[in-house]
């Protein structure tokens, strides 16, 4: 009888405490917003860095290297290659792209594969800005309104 009473008391205690508090949607989005801000800020620290195929630091950076190290800053593991990154997260409509989302491109019209990635840094009333590394200008911020990027665009994805 004592064991049953002890068992019921412990059960009631656990149920009444509710264990750990579940995060609310607001606290989760605040946390992810802070992560997104840190990811974008880290990427922007590379602005002006020259292009280097396979590069992942200030000495040289390629497009997927920029995204890879920026997300790594928040302990978010992504594949190293842009076409593999395009399999992560959830596909979203470009008009819904937000800071921290990824945009993917096909810049080689002879090969129908994703070969370029950028990180959205802002969406001001549908005017999407993204940071990326180009072979000609290194790490820069561009606009999706530019004809070249608009025509090469394939998809946008949300990882966070």
C-alpha atoms as a PDB file:
ATOM      1  CA  UNK A   1       0.000   0.000   0.000  1.00  0.00           C
ATOM      2  CA  UNK A   2       2.855   2.378   0.828  1.00  0.00           C
ATOM      3  CA  UNK A   3       4.460   1.624  -2.559  1.00  0.00           C
ATOM      4  CA  UNK A   4       1.191   2.366  -4.364  1.00  0.00           C
ATOM      5  CA  UNK A   5       0.777   5.614  -2.443  1.00  0.00           C
ATOM      6  CA  UNK A   6       4.383   6.622  -3.222  1.00  0.00           C
ATOM      7  CA  UNK A   7       3.923   5.738  -6.916  1.00  0.00           C
ATOM      8  CA  UNK A   8       0.679   7.749  -7.172  1.00  0.00           C
ATOM      9  CA  UNK A   9       2.245  10.713  -5.354  1.00  0.00           C
ATOM     10  CA  UNK A  10       5.241  10.787  -7.668  1.00  0.00           C
ATOM     11  CA  UNK A  11       3.000  10.446 -10.718  1.00  0.00           C
ATOM     12  CA  UNK A  12       0.828  13.357  -9.593  1.00  0.00           C
ATOM     13  CA  UNK A  13       3.904  15.453  -8.840  1.00  0.00           C
ATOM     14  CA  UNK A  14       5.331  14.855 -12.326  1.00  0.00           C
ATOM     15  CA  UNK A  15       2.018  15.550 -14.033  1.00  0.00           C
ATOM     16  CA  UNK A  16       1.335  18.697 -12.062  1.00  0.00           C
ATOM     17  CA  UNK A  17       4.770  20.179 -12.782  1.00  0.00           C
ATOM     18  CA  UNK A  18       4.375  19.615 -16.479  1.00  0.00           C
ATOM     19  CA  UNK A  19       7.988  18.617 -16.914  1.00  0.00           C
ATOM     20  CA  UNK A  20       9.812  21.259 -18.897  1.00  0.00           C
ATOM     21  CA  UNK A  21       8.098  24.233 -20.430  1.00  0.00           C
ATOM     22  CA  UNK A  22       7.645  23.969 -24.201  1.00  0.00           C
ATOM     23  CA  UNK A  23       8.872  27.014 -26.139  1.00  0.00           C
ATOM     24  CA  UNK A  24       6.189  29.206 -27.584  1.00  0.00           C
ATOM     25  CA  UNK A  25       6.087  30.158 -31.240  1.00  0.00           C
ATOM     26  CA  UNK A  26       7.263  33.624 -30.252  1.00  0.00           C
ATOM     27  CA  UNK A  27      10.312  32.441 -28.321  1.00  0.00           C
ATOM     28  CA  UNK A  28      11.252  29.998 -31.107  1.00  0.00           C
ATOM     29  CA  UNK A  29      11.002  32.651 -33.792  1.00  0.00           C
ATOM     30  CA  UNK A  30      12.999  35.098 -31.670  1.00  0.00           C
ATOM     31  CA  UNK A  31      15.723  32.482 -31.306  1.00  0.00           C
ATOM     32  CA  UNK A  32      15.737  31.689 -35.025  1.00  0.00           C
ATOM     33  CA  UNK A  33      15.688  35.413 -35.883  1.00  0.00           C
ATOM     34  CA  UNK A  34      18.824  35.883 -33.777  1.00  0.00           C
ATOM     35  CA  UNK A  35      20.444  32.897 -35.505  1.00  0.00           C
ATOM     36  CA  UNK A  36      19.511  34.282 -38.920  1.00  0.00           C
ATOM     37  CA  UNK A  37      20.926  37.689 -37.986  1.00  0.00           C
ATOM     38  CA  UNK A  38      24.219  36.102 -36.876  1.00  0.00           C
ATOM     39  CA  UNK A  39      24.418  33.986 -40.055  1.00  0.00           C
ATOM     40  CA  UNK A  40      23.837  36.995 -42.311  1.00  0.00           C
ATOM     41  CA  UNK A  41      26.227  39.193 -40.307  1.00  0.00           C
ATOM     42  CA  UNK A  42      28.921  36.522 -40.560  1.00  0.00           C
ATOM     43  CA  UNK A  43      28.425  36.274 -44.327  1.00  0.00           C
ATOM     44  CA  UNK A  44      28.637  40.069 -44.667  1.00  0.00           C
ATOM     45  CA  UNK A  45      32.030  40.026 -42.931  1.00  0.00           C
ATOM     46  CA  UNK A  46      33.361  38.409 -46.129  1.00  0.00           C
ATOM     47  CA  UNK A  47      32.112  41.221 -48.395  1.00  0.00           C
ATOM     48  CA  UNK A  48      34.946  42.143 -50.764  1.00  0.00           C
ATOM     49  CA  UNK A  49      36.746  38.803 -50.343  1.00  0.00           C
ATOM     50  CA  UNK A  50      38.088  37.578 -53.682  1.00  0.00           C
ATOM     51  CA  UNK A  51      36.665  34.497 -55.366  1.00  0.00           C
ATOM     52  CA  UNK A  52      38.543  31.234 -54.920  1.00  0.00           C
ATOM     53  CA  UNK A  53      37.126  27.896 -56.032  1.00  0.00           C
ATOM     54  CA  UNK A  54      36.724  25.749 -52.915  1.00  0.00           C
ATOM     55  CA  UNK A  55      37.627  28.677 -50.657  1.00  0.00           C
ATOM     56  CA  UNK A  56      36.104  29.110 -47.202  1.00  0.00           C
ATOM     57  CA  UNK A  57      38.011  31.983 -45.615  1.00  0.00           C
ATOM     58  CA  UNK A  58      39.173  35.606 -46.055  1.00  0.00           C
ATOM     59  CA  UNK A  59      41.910  34.513 -48.488  1.00  0.00           C
ATOM     60  CA  UNK A  60      39.243  33.404 -50.971  1.00  0.00           C
ATOM     61  CA  UNK A  61      35.669  32.209 -51.028  1.00  0.00           C
ATOM     62  CA  UNK A  62      33.297  30.505 -53.446  1.00  0.00           C
ATOM     63  CA  UNK A  63      29.500  30.786 -53.299  1.00  0.00           C
ATOM     64  CA  UNK A  64      28.783  27.551 -51.456  1.00  0.00           C
ATOM     65  CA  UNK A  65      31.763  28.119 -49.154  1.00  0.00           C
ATOM     66  CA  UNK A  66      30.265  31.445 -48.083  1.00  0.00           C
ATOM     67  CA  UNK A  67      26.917  29.853 -47.224  1.00  0.00           C
ATOM     68  CA  UNK A  68      28.563  26.797 -45.657  1.00  0.00           C
ATOM     69  CA  UNK A  69      30.768  28.746 -43.202  1.00  0.00           C
ATOM     70  CA  UNK A  70      28.011  31.243 -42.400  1.00  0.00           C
ATOM     71  CA  UNK A  71      25.592  28.520 -41.314  1.00  0.00           C
ATOM     72  CA  UNK A  72      28.412  26.656 -39.582  1.00  0.00           C
ATOM     73  CA  UNK A  73      28.771  29.733 -37.355  1.00  0.00           C
ATOM     74  CA  UNK A  74      25.391  28.752 -35.830  1.00  0.00           C
ATOM     75  CA  UNK A  75      26.267  25.017 -35.778  1.00  0.00           C
ATOM     76  CA  UNK A  76      23.928  24.321 -38.684  1.00  0.00           C
ATOM     77  CA  UNK A  77      25.425  21.678 -40.939  1.00  0.00           C
ATOM     78  CA  UNK A  78      24.870  22.091 -44.663  1.00  0.00           C
ATOM     79  CA  UNK A  79      26.427  20.190 -47.540  1.00  0.00           C
ATOM     80  CA  UNK A  80      29.455  21.923 -49.064  1.00  0.00           C
ATOM     81  CA  UNK A  81      28.181  21.973 -52.675  1.00  0.00           C
ATOM     82  CA  UNK A  82      25.367  24.269 -53.887  1.00  0.00           C
ATOM     83  CA  UNK A  83      23.410  21.564 -55.757  1.00  0.00           C
ATOM     84  CA  UNK A  84      23.430  19.453 -52.565  1.00  0.00           C
ATOM     85  CA  UNK A  85      22.385  22.460 -50.469  1.00  0.00           C
ATOM     86  CA  UNK A  86      19.370  22.758 -52.783  1.00  0.00           C
ATOM     87  CA  UNK A  87      18.066  19.489 -51.333  1.00  0.00           C
ATOM     88  CA  UNK A  88      17.958  20.879 -47.773  1.00  0.00           C
ATOM     89  CA  UNK A  89      15.120  22.618 -45.975  1.00  0.00           C
ATOM     90  CA  UNK A  90      11.790  23.476 -47.542  1.00  0.00           C
ATOM     91  CA  UNK A  91      11.216  24.932 -51.000  1.00  0.00           C
ATOM     92  CA  UNK A  92       9.487  28.321 -50.839  1.00  0.00           C
ATOM     93  CA  UNK A  93       8.104  30.796 -53.321  1.00  0.00           C
ATOM     94  CA  UNK A  94      10.654  33.514 -54.112  1.00  0.00           C
ATOM     95  CA  UNK A  95       8.135  36.200 -53.174  1.00  0.00           C
ATOM     96  CA  UNK A  96       8.090  34.764 -49.630  1.00  0.00           C
ATOM     97  CA  UNK A  97      11.887  34.693 -49.271  1.00  0.00           C
ATOM     98  CA  UNK A  98      13.163  36.197 -46.030  1.00  0.00           C
ATOM     99  CA  UNK A  99      16.504  37.075 -44.530  1.00  0.00           C
ATOM    100  CA  UNK A 100      18.449  33.822 -44.075  1.00  0.00           C
ATOM    101  CA  UNK A 101      16.785  31.892 -46.908  1.00  0.00           C
ATOM    102  CA  UNK A 102      18.857  30.451 -49.742  1.00  0.00           C
ATOM    103  CA  UNK A 103      18.452  31.234 -53.444  1.00  0.00           C
ATOM    104  CA  UNK A 104      19.759  28.857 -56.107  1.00  0.00           C
ATOM    105  CA  UNK A 105      20.775  29.462 -59.705  1.00  0.00           C
ATOM    106  CA  UNK A 106      21.828  27.752 -62.933  1.00  0.00           C
ATOM    107  CA  UNK A 107      24.466  30.017 -64.415  1.00  0.00           C
ATOM    108  CA  UNK A 108      25.708  27.592 -67.064  1.00  0.00           C
ATOM    109  CA  UNK A 109      23.016  27.260 -69.723  1.00  0.00           C
ATOM    110  CA  UNK A 110      24.771  24.217 -71.238  1.00  0.00           C
ATOM    111  CA  UNK A 111      24.391  22.227 -68.024  1.00  0.00           C
ATOM    112  CA  UNK A 112      20.968  22.124 -66.394  1.00  0.00           C
ATOM    113  CA  UNK A 113      22.216  21.815 -62.819  1.00  0.00           C
ATOM    114  CA  UNK A 114      22.248  24.178 -59.869  1.00  0.00           C
ATOM    115  CA  UNK A 115      25.748  25.610 -59.632  1.00  0.00           C
ATOM    116  CA  UNK A 116      25.332  28.821 -57.626  1.00  0.00           C
ATOM    117  CA  UNK A 117      23.849  29.774 -54.256  1.00  0.00           C
ATOM    118  CA  UNK A 118      23.214  33.022 -52.428  1.00  0.00           C
ATOM    119  CA  UNK A 119      22.000  33.979 -48.966  1.00  0.00           C
ATOM    120  CA  UNK A 120      19.063  36.386 -48.719  1.00  0.00           C
ATOM    121  CA  UNK A 121      20.045  39.399 -46.617  1.00  0.00           C
ATOM    122  CA  UNK A 122      16.825  41.394 -47.068  1.00  0.00           C
ATOM    123  CA  UNK A 123      13.418  41.481 -48.703  1.00  0.00           C
ATOM    124  CA  UNK A 124      12.099  45.029 -48.844  1.00  0.00           C
ATOM    125  CA  UNK A 125       8.593  44.893 -50.329  1.00  0.00           C
ATOM    126  CA  UNK A 126       9.588  42.192 -52.797  1.00  0.00           C
ATOM    127  CA  UNK A 127      13.020  43.664 -53.536  1.00  0.00           C
ATOM    128  CA  UNK A 128      15.269  40.750 -52.590  1.00  0.00           C
ATOM    129  CA  UNK A 129      18.949  41.315 -51.847  1.00  0.00           C
ATOM    130  CA  UNK A 130      21.325  38.356 -51.488  1.00  0.00           C
ATOM    131  CA  UNK A 131      25.000  37.928 -50.688  1.00  0.00           C
ATOM    132  CA  UNK A 132      27.089  35.512 -52.728  1.00  0.00           C
ATOM    133  CA  UNK A 133      30.519  35.043 -54.239  1.00  0.00           C
ATOM    134  CA  UNK A 134      31.015  35.595 -57.964  1.00  0.00           C
ATOM    135  CA  UNK A 135      34.045  34.535 -59.962  1.00  0.00           C
ATOM    136  CA  UNK A 136      34.421  38.057 -61.366  1.00  0.00           C
ATOM    137  CA  UNK A 137      33.798  40.256 -58.298  1.00  0.00           C
ATOM    138  CA  UNK A 138      34.176  38.035 -55.235  1.00  0.00           C
ATOM    139  CA  UNK A 139      31.739  38.338 -52.332  1.00  0.00           C
ATOM    140  CA  UNK A 140      29.091  40.945 -53.137  1.00  0.00           C
ATOM    141  CA  UNK A 141      25.450  41.724 -52.468  1.00  0.00           C
ATOM    142  CA  UNK A 142      23.187  41.607 -55.526  1.00  0.00           C
ATOM    143  CA  UNK A 143      19.521  42.130 -56.276  1.00  0.00           C
ATOM    144  CA  UNK A 144      17.101  39.555 -57.652  1.00  0.00           C
ATOM    145  CA  UNK A 145      15.872  42.406 -59.868  1.00  0.00           C
ATOM    146  CA  UNK A 146      19.066  42.201 -61.930  1.00  0.00           C
ATOM    147  CA  UNK A 147      18.243  40.593 -65.273  1.00  0.00           C
ATOM    148  CA  UNK A 148      21.106  38.074 -65.056  1.00  0.00           C
ATOM    149  CA  UNK A 149      20.057  36.704 -61.656  1.00  0.00           C
ATOM    150  CA  UNK A 150      16.367  36.783 -62.496  1.00  0.00           C
ATOM    151  CA  UNK A 151      16.929  34.637 -65.602  1.00  0.00           C
ATOM    152  CA  UNK A 152      19.308  32.201 -63.851  1.00  0.00           C
ATOM    153  CA  UNK A 153      17.085  31.746 -60.766  1.00  0.00           C
ATOM    154  CA  UNK A 154      15.895  28.166 -60.056  1.00  0.00           C
ATOM    155  CA  UNK A 155      14.462  28.059 -56.554  1.00  0.00           C
ATOM    156  CA  UNK A 156      14.483  29.442 -53.007  1.00  0.00           C
ATOM    157  CA  UNK A 157      14.691  27.294 -49.875  1.00  0.00           C
ATOM    158  CA  UNK A 158      14.253  27.874 -46.145  1.00  0.00           C
ATOM    159  CA  UNK A 159      16.684  25.944 -43.977  1.00  0.00           C
ATOM    160  CA  UNK A 160      15.954  27.659 -40.635  1.00  0.00           C
END
